[in-house]
């Protein structure tokens, strides 16, 4: 999966792309799930798909849910 490169060296108008492996994507999903929801990425994927996430429309959930395609690569 390709994501924009937002490293400090890149200018805001820079169109460069950084490729991400599946493993890197899963680590990102896990890191964000832990940061915003206090659970592992794996737990989030399972609970989200089962409809067990309380208030799934809240911002913290959306920040992690948007990364779900990274778990499916």
Protein backbone atom coordinates (compact mmCIF):
# COMPACT_ATOMS: atom_id res chain seq x y z
CA UNK A 1 0.00 0.00 0.00
CA UNK A 2 1.28 3.47 -0.79
CA UNK A 3 0.89 6.34 1.63
CA UNK A 4 2.10 9.92 1.36
CA UNK A 5 5.53 10.52 2.84
CA UNK A 6 5.13 12.99 5.70
CA UNK A 7 8.67 12.81 7.01
CA UNK A 8 10.24 16.03 8.33
CA UNK A 9 12.43 16.19 5.22
CA UNK A 10 9.45 16.34 2.85
CA UNK A 11 7.82 19.65 2.11
CA UNK A 12 4.03 19.88 2.60
CA UNK A 13 3.56 20.20 -1.18
CA UNK A 14 5.80 17.21 -1.88
CA UNK A 15 4.05 14.51 -3.95
CA UNK A 16 6.41 11.69 -2.97
CA UNK A 17 4.96 8.32 -1.96
CA UNK A 18 6.29 5.88 0.60
CA UNK A 19 5.51 2.21 0.03
CA UNK A 20 4.34 0.21 3.02
CA UNK A 21 4.59 -3.54 3.41
CA UNK A 22 1.73 -5.54 4.90
CA UNK A 23 3.73 -5.99 8.09
CA UNK A 24 4.33 -2.24 8.37
CA UNK A 25 0.63 -1.62 7.78
CA UNK A 26 -0.34 -4.06 10.51
CA UNK A 27 2.13 -2.43 12.91
CA UNK A 28 0.64 0.98 12.14
CA UNK A 29 -2.89 -0.32 12.72
CA UNK A 30 -1.78 -1.91 16.00
CA UNK A 31 0.02 1.24 17.16
CA UNK A 32 -2.99 3.46 16.44
CA UNK A 33 -5.48 1.05 18.04
CA UNK A 34 -3.36 1.00 21.19
CA UNK A 35 -2.95 4.80 21.16
CA UNK A 36 -6.58 5.74 20.57
CA UNK A 37 -8.54 2.78 21.92
CA UNK A 38 -6.31 0.96 24.39
CA UNK A 39 -6.49 -2.37 22.54
CA UNK A 40 -4.34 -4.26 20.07
CA UNK A 41 -4.88 -3.92 16.36
CA UNK A 42 -5.89 -7.57 16.17
CA UNK A 43 -8.50 -7.12 18.90
CA UNK A 44 -9.82 -4.02 17.17
CA UNK A 45 -10.22 -5.80 13.82
CA UNK A 46 -12.11 -8.68 15.43
CA UNK A 47 -14.36 -6.49 17.57
CA UNK A 48 -15.03 -3.94 14.82
CA UNK A 49 -16.05 -6.61 12.31
CA UNK A 50 -18.28 -8.25 14.93
CA UNK A 51 -20.00 -4.93 15.68
CA UNK A 52 -18.74 -4.94 19.26
CA UNK A 53 -17.16 -1.47 19.28
CA UNK A 54 -19.14 0.93 21.44
CA UNK A 55 -20.05 4.13 19.56
CA UNK A 56 -18.30 3.17 16.28
CA UNK A 57 -18.85 6.65 14.81
CA UNK A 58 -16.68 8.47 17.31
CA UNK A 59 -13.47 10.08 16.08
CA UNK A 60 -11.06 7.75 17.92
CA UNK A 61 -12.68 4.71 16.30
CA UNK A 62 -12.72 6.34 12.86
CA UNK A 63 -9.00 7.12 13.14
CA UNK A 64 -8.30 3.41 13.50
CA UNK A 65 -11.06 2.07 11.25
CA UNK A 66 -9.70 3.98 8.29
CA UNK A 67 -6.61 1.77 8.55
CA UNK A 68 -8.59 -1.50 8.26
CA UNK A 69 -7.58 -2.03 4.60
CA UNK A 70 -4.02 -2.47 5.89
CA UNK A 71 -5.16 -5.62 7.70
CA UNK A 72 -6.52 -7.07 4.46
CA UNK A 73 -3.49 -6.73 2.18
